[in-house]
Amino acid sequence: MTRPQPPHSLRSRLCRGTTAFMSFVMLTLVMGLVGCGLVGTSATTAAGAASEAEEARQAQQIEQQVKDKLQAAQEAEAAKRAAADKDSL
């Protein structure tokens, strides 16, 4: 025994509705995944920018420390020369 088939027009309407619904579901899923990717990318970019800013700040601190040490060494050397000149007179 076979099941009675709905009229042709009703079946085609049901198929169109199912196809439209499946298209909507797929579109929603794809857009959701794209959105997640963009959010992830922007979060990664923001984290990278913050990391680069921190590295730049640390580099500036190291540069200042080197300049301070160089200045201190130059002043110590100048003081030694001044003392040596004073002793040699």
PDB file of N, CA and C in Angstrom:
ATOM      1  N   MET A   1       0.827  -1.177   0.000  1.00  0.00           N
ATOM      2  CA  MET A   1       0.000   0.000   0.000  1.00  0.00           C
ATOM      3  C   MET A   1       0.876   1.248   0.000  1.00  0.00           C
ATOM      4  N   THR A   2       0.480   2.160  -0.764  1.00  0.00           N
ATOM      5  CA  THR A   2       1.219   3.416  -0.839  1.00  0.00           C
ATOM      6  C   THR A   2       0.424   4.500  -0.147  1.00  0.00           C
ATOM      7  N   ARG A   3       1.173   5.428   0.348  1.00  0.00           N
ATOM      8  CA  ARG A   3       0.512   6.562   1.013  1.00  0.00           C
ATOM      9  C   ARG A   3      -0.082   7.475  -0.034  1.00  0.00           C
ATOM     10  N   PRO A   4      -1.187   8.054   0.273  1.00  0.00           N
ATOM     11  CA  PRO A   4      -1.756   8.996  -0.689  1.00  0.00           C
ATOM     12  C   PRO A   4      -0.872  10.235  -0.771  1.00  0.00           C
ATOM     13  N   GLN A   5      -0.616  10.694  -1.947  1.00  0.00           N
ATOM     14  CA  GLN A   5       0.229  11.849  -2.185  1.00  0.00           C
ATOM     15  C   GLN A   5      -0.604  13.119  -2.131  1.00  0.00           C
ATOM     16  N   PRO A   6      -0.073  14.178  -1.514  1.00  0.00           N
ATOM     17  CA  PRO A   6      -0.819  15.430  -1.542  1.00  0.00           C
ATOM     18  C   PRO A   6      -0.848  15.971  -2.966  1.00  0.00           C
ATOM     19  N   PRO A   7      -1.763  16.829  -3.242  1.00  0.00           N
ATOM     20  CA  PRO A   7      -1.807  17.416  -4.591  1.00  0.00           C
ATOM     21  C   PRO A   7      -0.469  18.056  -4.938  1.00  0.00           C
ATOM     22  N   HIS A   8      -0.157  18.071  -6.197  1.00  0.00           N
ATOM     23  CA  HIS A   8       1.137  18.551  -6.684  1.00  0.00           C
ATOM     24  C   HIS A   8       1.449  19.965  -6.198  1.00  0.00           C
ATOM     25  N   SER A   9       0.496  20.831  -6.236  1.00  0.00           N
ATOM     26  CA  SER A   9       0.751  22.210  -5.853  1.00  0.00           C
ATOM     27  C   SER A   9       1.094  22.318  -4.372  1.00  0.00           C
ATOM     28  N   LEU A  10       0.473  21.517  -3.511  1.00  0.00           N
ATOM     29  CA  LEU A  10       0.772  21.557  -2.083  1.00  0.00           C
ATOM     30  C   LEU A  10       2.189  21.055  -1.829  1.00  0.00           C
ATOM     31  N   ARG A  11       2.589  19.991  -2.515  1.00  0.00           N
ATOM     32  CA  ARG A  11       3.933  19.445  -2.346  1.00  0.00           C
ATOM     33  C   ARG A  11       4.978  20.475  -2.766  1.00  0.00           C
ATOM     34  N   SER A  12       4.773  21.146  -3.856  1.00  0.00           N
ATOM     35  CA  SER A  12       5.746  22.123  -4.314  1.00  0.00           C
ATOM     36  C   SER A  12       5.822  23.299  -3.354  1.00  0.00           C
ATOM     37  N   ARG A  13       4.682  23.679  -2.759  1.00  0.00           N
ATOM     38  CA  ARG A  13       4.725  24.741  -1.752  1.00  0.00           C
ATOM     39  C   ARG A  13       5.492  24.299  -0.527  1.00  0.00           C
ATOM     40  N   LEU A  14       5.314  23.064  -0.102  1.00  0.00           N
ATOM     41  CA  LEU A  14       6.039  22.559   1.063  1.00  0.00           C
ATOM     42  C   LEU A  14       7.538  22.520   0.791  1.00  0.00           C
ATOM     43  N   CYS A  15       7.911  22.077  -0.394  1.00  0.00           N
ATOM     44  CA  CYS A  15       9.332  22.017  -0.745  1.00  0.00           C
ATOM     45  C   CYS A  15       9.935  23.409  -0.807  1.00  0.00           C
ATOM     46  N   ARG A  16       9.199  24.346  -1.367  1.00  0.00           N
ATOM     47  CA  ARG A  16       9.712  25.709  -1.423  1.00  0.00           C
ATOM     48  C   ARG A  16       9.886  26.270  -0.025  1.00  0.00           C
ATOM     49  N   GLY A  17       8.953  26.004   0.859  1.00  0.00           N
ATOM     50  CA  GLY A  17       9.063  26.486   2.230  1.00  0.00           C
ATOM     51  C   GLY A  17      10.248  25.869   2.940  1.00  0.00           C
ATOM     52  N   THR A  18      10.463  24.578   2.734  1.00  0.00           N
ATOM     53  CA  THR A  18      11.597  23.900   3.362  1.00  0.00           C
ATOM     54  C   THR A  18      12.901  24.425   2.801  1.00  0.00           C
ATOM     55  N   THR A  19      12.958  24.623   1.512  1.00  0.00           N
ATOM     56  CA  THR A  19      14.167  25.138   0.887  1.00  0.00           C
ATOM     57  C   THR A  19      14.467  26.547   1.380  1.00  0.00           C
ATOM     58  N   ALA A  20      13.455  27.362   1.471  1.00  0.00           N
ATOM     59  CA  ALA A  20      13.655  28.726   1.954  1.00  0.00           C
ATOM     60  C   ALA A  20      14.128  28.710   3.406  1.00  0.00           C
ATOM     61  N   PHE A  21      13.513  27.832   4.194  1.00  0.00           N
ATOM     62  CA  PHE A  21      13.913  27.739   5.603  1.00  0.00           C
ATOM     63  C   PHE A  21      15.356  27.265   5.723  1.00  0.00           C
ATOM     64  N   MET A  22      15.741  26.259   4.958  1.00  0.00           N
ATOM     65  CA  MET A  22      17.109  25.744   5.000  1.00  0.00           C
ATOM     66  C   MET A  22      18.100  26.806   4.519  1.00  0.00           C
ATOM     67  N   SER A  23      17.693  27.565   3.523  1.00  0.00           N
ATOM     68  CA  SER A  23      18.554  28.652   3.059  1.00  0.00           C
ATOM     69  C   SER A  23      18.745  29.689   4.149  1.00  0.00           C
ATOM     70  N   PHE A  24      17.666  30.011   4.853  1.00  0.00           N
ATOM     71  CA  PHE A  24      17.738  30.967   5.948  1.00  0.00           C
ATOM     72  C   PHE A  24      18.650  30.448   7.058  1.00  0.00           C
ATOM     73  N   VAL A  25      18.513  29.175   7.406  1.00  0.00           N
ATOM     74  CA  VAL A  25      19.343  28.573   8.461  1.00  0.00           C
ATOM     75  C   VAL A  25      20.810  28.606   8.048  1.00  0.00           C
ATOM     76  N   MET A  26      21.102  28.228   6.816  1.00  0.00           N
ATOM     77  CA  MET A  26      22.494  28.229   6.341  1.00  0.00           C
ATOM     78  C   MET A  26      23.066  29.645   6.327  1.00  0.00           C
ATOM     79  N   LEU A  27      22.278  30.598   5.868  1.00  0.00           N
ATOM     80  CA  LEU A  27      22.729  31.983   5.837  1.00  0.00           C
ATOM     81  C   LEU A  27      23.015  32.480   7.250  1.00  0.00           C
ATOM     82  N   THR A  28      22.141  32.149   8.183  1.00  0.00           N
ATOM     83  CA  THR A  28      22.338  32.556   9.579  1.00  0.00           C
ATOM     84  C   THR A  28      23.611  31.945  10.147  1.00  0.00           C
ATOM     85  N   LEU A  29      23.838  30.665   9.879  1.00  0.00           N
ATOM     86  CA  LEU A  29      25.055  30.006  10.375  1.00  0.00           C
ATOM     87  C   LEU A  29      26.317  30.627   9.773  1.00  0.00           C
ATOM     88  N   VAL A  30      26.287  30.852   8.476  1.00  0.00           N
ATOM     89  CA  VAL A  30      27.457  31.427   7.809  1.00  0.00           C
ATOM     90  C   VAL A  30      27.740  32.825   8.344  1.00  0.00           C
ATOM     91  N   MET A  31      26.712  33.637   8.475  1.00  0.00           N
ATOM     92  CA  MET A  31      26.910  34.994   8.986  1.00  0.00           C
ATOM     93  C   MET A  31      27.410  34.958  10.431  1.00  0.00           C
ATOM     94  N   GLY A  32      26.916  34.011  11.206  1.00  0.00           N
ATOM     95  CA  GLY A  32      27.397  33.871  12.580  1.00  0.00           C
ATOM     96  C   GLY A  32      28.871  33.519  12.625  1.00  0.00           C
ATOM     97  N   LEU A  33      29.282  32.615  11.750  1.00  0.00           N
ATOM     98  CA  LEU A  33      30.694  32.232  11.719  1.00  0.00           C
ATOM     99  C   LEU A  33      31.563  33.373  11.219  1.00  0.00           C
ATOM    100  N   VAL A  34      31.085  34.089  10.228  1.00  0.00           N
ATOM    101  CA  VAL A  34      31.836  35.242   9.722  1.00  0.00           C
ATOM    102  C   VAL A  34      31.964  36.286  10.813  1.00  0.00           C
ATOM    103  N   GLY A  35      30.884  36.542  11.531  1.00  0.00           N
ATOM    104  CA  GLY A  35      30.916  37.509  12.624  1.00  0.00           C
ATOM    105  C   GLY A  35      31.901  37.099  13.694  1.00  0.00           C
ATOM    106  N   CYS A  36      31.909  35.822  14.045  1.00  0.00           N
ATOM    107  CA  CYS A  36      32.853  35.337  15.056  1.00  0.00           C
ATOM    108  C   CYS A  36      34.285  35.512  14.575  1.00  0.00           C
ATOM    109  N   GLY A  37      34.509  35.271  13.298  1.00  0.00           N
ATOM    110  CA  GLY A  37      35.850  35.442  12.750  1.00  0.00           C
ATOM    111  C   GLY A  37      36.296  36.885  12.809  1.00  0.00           C
ATOM    112  N   LEU A  38      35.392  37.786  12.495  1.00  0.00           N
ATOM    113  CA  LEU A  38      35.746  39.207  12.544  1.00  0.00           C
ATOM    114  C   LEU A  38      35.990  39.660  13.968  1.00  0.00           C
ATOM    115  N   VAL A  39      35.179  39.172  14.889  1.00  0.00           N
ATOM    116  CA  VAL A  39      35.377  39.528  16.293  1.00  0.00           C
ATOM    117  C   VAL A  39      36.714  38.991  16.773  1.00  0.00           C
ATOM    118  N   GLY A  40      37.012  37.751  16.402  1.00  0.00           N
ATOM    119  CA  GLY A  40      38.285  37.166  16.799  1.00  0.00           C
ATOM    120  C   GLY A  40      39.459  37.913  16.204  1.00  0.00           C
ATOM    121  N   THR A  41      39.327  38.312  14.957  1.00  0.00           N
ATOM    122  CA  THR A  41      40.393  39.057  14.296  1.00  0.00           C
ATOM    123  C   THR A  41      40.608  40.405  14.957  1.00  0.00           C
ATOM    124  N   SER A  42      39.510  41.098  15.259  1.00  0.00           N
ATOM    125  CA  SER A  42      39.660  42.410  15.883  1.00  0.00           C
ATOM    126  C   SER A  42      40.222  42.280  17.294  1.00  0.00           C
ATOM    127  N   ALA A  43      39.836  41.230  18.004  1.00  0.00           N
ATOM    128  CA  ALA A  43      40.388  41.016  19.348  1.00  0.00           C
ATOM    129  C   ALA A  43      41.876  40.718  19.266  1.00  0.00           C
ATOM    130  N   THR A  44      42.262  39.914  18.292  1.00  0.00           N
ATOM    131  CA  THR A  44      43.680  39.595  18.111  1.00  0.00           C
ATOM    132  C   THR A  44      44.460  40.836  17.720  1.00  0.00           C
ATOM    133  N   THR A  45      43.891  41.640  16.847  1.00  0.00           N
ATOM    134  CA  THR A  45      44.545  42.871  16.431  1.00  0.00           C
ATOM    135  C   THR A  45      44.715  43.823  17.605  1.00  0.00           C
ATOM    136  N   ALA A  46      43.682  43.944  18.428  1.00  0.00           N
ATOM    137  CA  ALA A  46      43.769  44.821  19.596  1.00  0.00           C
ATOM    138  C   ALA A  46      44.817  44.313  20.582  1.00  0.00           C
ATOM    139  N   ALA A  47      44.853  43.008  20.783  1.00  0.00           N
ATOM    140  CA  ALA A  47      45.846  42.438  21.695  1.00  0.00           C
ATOM    141  C   ALA A  47      47.250  42.645  21.136  1.00  0.00           C
ATOM    142  N   GLY A  48      47.411  42.480  19.828  1.00  0.00           N
ATOM    143  CA  GLY A  48      48.708  42.699  19.204  1.00  0.00           C
ATOM    144  C   GLY A  48      49.147  44.147  19.318  1.00  0.00           C
ATOM    145  N   ALA A  49      48.220  45.060  19.132  1.00  0.00           N
ATOM    146  CA  ALA A  49      48.552  46.489  19.246  1.00  0.00           C
ATOM    147  C   ALA A  49      48.941  46.832  20.677  1.00  0.00           C
ATOM    148  N   ALA A  50      48.232  46.267  21.646  1.00  0.00           N
ATOM    149  CA  ALA A  50      48.574  46.520  23.050  1.00  0.00           C
ATOM    150  C   ALA A  50      49.948  45.938  23.369  1.00  0.00           C
ATOM    151  N   SER A  51      50.235  44.777  22.827  1.00  0.00           N
ATOM    152  CA  SER A  51      51.538  44.148  23.043  1.00  0.00           C
ATOM    153  C   SER A  51      52.652  44.993  22.421  1.00  0.00           C
ATOM    154  N   GLU A  52      52.415  45.489  21.220  1.00  0.00           N
ATOM    155  CA  GLU A  52      53.416  46.335  20.562  1.00  0.00           C
ATOM    156  C   GLU A  52      53.625  47.631  21.333  1.00  0.00           C
ATOM    157  N   ALA A  53      52.558  48.193  21.868  1.00  0.00           N
ATOM    158  CA  ALA A  53      52.681  49.413  22.659  1.00  0.00           C
ATOM    159  C   ALA A  53      53.497  49.150  23.921  1.00  0.00           C
ATOM    160  N   GLU A  54      53.275  48.009  24.552  1.00  0.00           N
ATOM    161  CA  GLU A  54      54.039  47.644  25.752  1.00  0.00           C
ATOM    162  C   GLU A  54      55.515  47.441  25.405  1.00  0.00           C
ATOM    163  N   GLU A  55      55.779  46.786  24.272  1.00  0.00           N
ATOM    164  CA  GLU A  55      57.161  46.587  23.843  1.00  0.00           C
ATOM    165  C   GLU A  55      57.838  47.928  23.561  1.00  0.00           C
ATOM    166  N   ALA A  56      57.130  48.838  22.945  1.00  0.00           N
ATOM    167  CA  ALA A  56      57.690  50.169  22.651  1.00  0.00           C
ATOM    168  C   ALA A  56      57.993  50.911  23.947  1.00  0.00           C
ATOM    169  N   ARG A  57      57.099  50.808  24.916  1.00  0.00           N
ATOM    170  CA  ARG A  57      57.313  51.462  26.212  1.00  0.00           C
ATOM    171  C   ARG A  57      58.544  50.874  26.908  1.00  0.00           C
ATOM    172  N   GLN A  58      58.672  49.557  26.868  1.00  0.00           N
ATOM    173  CA  GLN A  58      59.834  48.906  27.480  1.00  0.00           C
ATOM    174  C   GLN A  58      61.120  49.305  26.754  1.00  0.00           C
ATOM    175  N   ALA A  59      61.065  49.399  25.437  1.00  0.00           N
ATOM    176  CA  ALA A  59      62.247  49.800  24.670  1.00  0.00           C
ATOM    177  C   ALA A  59      62.670  51.217  25.039  1.00  0.00           C
ATOM    178  N   GLN A  60      61.701  52.098  25.235  1.00  0.00           N
ATOM    179  CA  GLN A  60      62.024  53.473  25.635  1.00  0.00           C
ATOM    180  C   GLN A  60      62.650  53.497  27.032  1.00  0.00           C
ATOM    181  N   GLN A  61      62.150  52.649  27.921  1.00  0.00           N
ATOM    182  CA  GLN A  61      62.729  52.581  29.267  1.00  0.00           C
ATOM    183  C   GLN A  61      64.169  52.086  29.211  1.00  0.00           C
ATOM    184  N   ILE A  62      64.411  51.063  28.413  1.00  0.00           N
ATOM    185  CA  ILE A  62      65.767  50.518  28.279  1.00  0.00           C
ATOM    186  C   ILE A  62      66.686  51.567  27.664  1.00  0.00           C
ATOM    187  N   GLU A  63      66.208  52.266  26.650  1.00  0.00           N
ATOM    188  CA  GLU A  63      67.009  53.318  26.026  1.00  0.00           C
ATOM    189  C   GLU A  63      67.372  54.395  27.050  1.00  0.00           C
ATOM    190  N   GLN A  64      66.412  54.801  27.871  1.00  0.00           N
ATOM    191  CA  GLN A  64      66.675  55.821  28.888  1.00  0.00           C
ATOM    192  C   GLN A  64      67.679  55.308  29.926  1.00  0.00           C
ATOM    193  N   GLN A  65      67.563  54.032  30.310  1.00  0.00           N
ATOM    194  CA  GLN A  65      68.509  53.458  31.268  1.00  0.00           C
ATOM    195  C   GLN A  65      69.919  53.455  30.701  1.00  0.00           C
ATOM    196  N   VAL A  66      70.057  53.104  29.421  1.00  0.00           N
ATOM    197  CA  VAL A  66      71.372  53.096  28.784  1.00  0.00           C
ATOM    198  C   VAL A  66      71.944  54.512  28.735  1.00  0.00           C
ATOM    199  N   LYS A  67      71.096  55.491  28.385  1.00  0.00           N
ATOM    200  CA  LYS A  67      71.556  56.878  28.354  1.00  0.00           C
ATOM    201  C   LYS A  67      71.998  57.339  29.739  1.00  0.00           C
ATOM    202  N   ASP A  68      71.224  56.970  30.776  1.00  0.00           N
ATOM    203  CA  ASP A  68      71.588  57.349  32.143  1.00  0.00           C
ATOM    204  C   ASP A  68      72.920  56.725  32.561  1.00  0.00           C
ATOM    205  N   LYS A  69      73.121  55.451  32.228  1.00  0.00           N
ATOM    206  CA  LYS A  69      74.380  54.773  32.578  1.00  0.00           C
ATOM    207  C   LYS A  69      75.552  55.393  31.830  1.00  0.00           C
ATOM    208  N   LEU A  70      75.341  55.723  30.554  1.00  0.00           N
ATOM    209  CA  LEU A  70      76.386  56.355  29.756  1.00  0.00           C
ATOM    210  C   LEU A  70      76.748  57.717  30.340  1.00  0.00           C
ATOM    211  N   GLN A  71      75.741  58.484  30.710  1.00  0.00           N
ATOM    212  CA  GLN A  71      75.976  59.790  31.326  1.00  0.00           C
ATOM    213  C   GLN A  71      76.750  59.638  32.631  1.00  0.00           C
ATOM    214  N   ALA A  72      76.359  58.659  33.454  1.00  0.00           N
ATOM    215  CA  ALA A  72      77.048  58.433  34.728  1.00  0.00           C
ATOM    216  C   ALA A  72      78.496  58.019  34.485  1.00  0.00           C
ATOM    217  N   ALA A  73      78.745  57.170  33.481  1.00  0.00           N
ATOM    218  CA  ALA A  73      80.109  56.744  33.170  1.00  0.00           C
ATOM    219  C   ALA A  73      80.949  57.924  32.677  1.00  0.00           C
ATOM    220  N   GLN A  74      80.354  58.780  31.857  1.00  0.00           N
ATOM    221  CA  GLN A  74      81.077  59.948  31.365  1.00  0.00           C
ATOM    222  C   GLN A  74      81.421  60.902  32.514  1.00  0.00           C
ATOM    223  N   GLU A  75      80.483  61.068  33.432  1.00  0.00           N
ATOM    224  CA  GLU A  75      80.743  61.947  34.578  1.00  0.00           C
ATOM    225  C   GLU A  75      81.817  61.352  35.491  1.00  0.00           C
ATOM    226  N   ALA A  76      81.792  60.041  35.672  1.00  0.00           N
ATOM    227  CA  ALA A  76      82.814  59.386  36.503  1.00  0.00           C
ATOM    228  C   ALA A  76      84.185  59.518  35.848  1.00  0.00           C
ATOM    229  N   GLU A  77      84.252  59.330  34.534  1.00  0.00           N
ATOM    230  CA  GLU A  77      85.520  59.461  33.812  1.00  0.00           C
ATOM    231  C   GLU A  77      86.031  60.891  33.891  1.00  0.00           C
ATOM    232  N   ALA A  78      85.135  61.869  33.747  1.00  0.00           N
ATOM    233  CA  ALA A  78      85.533  63.277  33.840  1.00  0.00           C
ATOM    234  C   ALA A  78      86.062  63.583  35.237  1.00  0.00           C
ATOM    235  N   ALA A  79      85.435  63.004  36.252  1.00  0.00           N
ATOM    236  CA  ALA A  79      85.900  63.222  37.627  1.00  0.00           C
ATOM    237  C   ALA A  79      87.279  62.595  37.833  1.00  0.00           C
ATOM    238  N   LYS A  80      87.521  61.419  37.266  1.00  0.00           N
ATOM    239  CA  LYS A  80      88.839  60.770  37.382  1.00  0.00           C
ATOM    240  C   LYS A  80      89.909  61.615  36.681  1.00  0.00           C
ATOM    241  N   ARG A  81      89.586  62.128  35.486  1.00  0.00           N
ATOM    242  CA  ARG A  81      90.535  62.960  34.776  1.00  0.00           C
ATOM    243  C   ARG A  81      90.856  64.244  35.556  1.00  0.00           C
ATOM    244  N   ALA A  82      89.813  64.808  36.127  1.00  0.00           N
ATOM    245  CA  ALA A  82      90.019  66.034  36.902  1.00  0.00           C
ATOM    246  C   ALA A  82      90.894  65.736  38.115  1.00  0.00           C
ATOM    247  N   ALA A  83      90.684  64.611  38.767  1.00  0.00           N
ATOM    248  CA  ALA A  83      91.504  64.225  39.928  1.00  0.00           C
ATOM    249  C   ALA A  83      92.953  63.934  39.499  1.00  0.00           C
ATOM    250  N   ALA A  84      93.108  63.262  38.363  1.00  0.00           N
ATOM    251  CA  ALA A  84      94.453  62.945  37.858  1.00  0.00           C
ATOM    252  C   ALA A  84      95.183  64.234  37.490  1.00  0.00           C
ATOM    253  N   ASP A  85      94.488  65.169  36.838  1.00  0.00           N
ATOM    254  CA  ASP A  85      95.101  66.446  36.490  1.00  0.00           C
ATOM    255  C   ASP A  85      95.509  67.203  37.737  1.00  0.00           C
ATOM    256  N   LYS A  86      94.684  67.153  38.747  1.00  0.00           N
ATOM    257  CA  LYS A  86      94.968  67.856  39.995  1.00  0.00           C
ATOM    258  C   LYS A  86      96.182  67.264  40.699  1.00  0.00           C
ATOM    259  N   ASP A  87      96.292  65.936  40.677  1.00  0.00           N
ATOM    260  CA  ASP A  87      97.431  65.262  41.304  1.00  0.00           C
ATOM    261  C   ASP A  87      98.727  65.481  40.535  1.00  0.00           C
ATOM    262  N   SER A  88      98.639  65.618  39.218  1.00  0.00           N
ATOM    263  CA  SER A  88      99.843  65.767  38.409  1.00  0.00           C
ATOM    264  C   SER A  88     100.424  67.169  38.505  1.00  0.00           C
ATOM    265  N   LEU A  89      99.696  68.110  38.995  1.00  0.00           N
ATOM    266  CA  LEU A  89     100.198  69.482  39.093  1.00  0.00           C
ATOM    267  C   LEU A  89     101.047  69.596  40.276  1.00  0.00           C
TER     268      LEU A  89
END
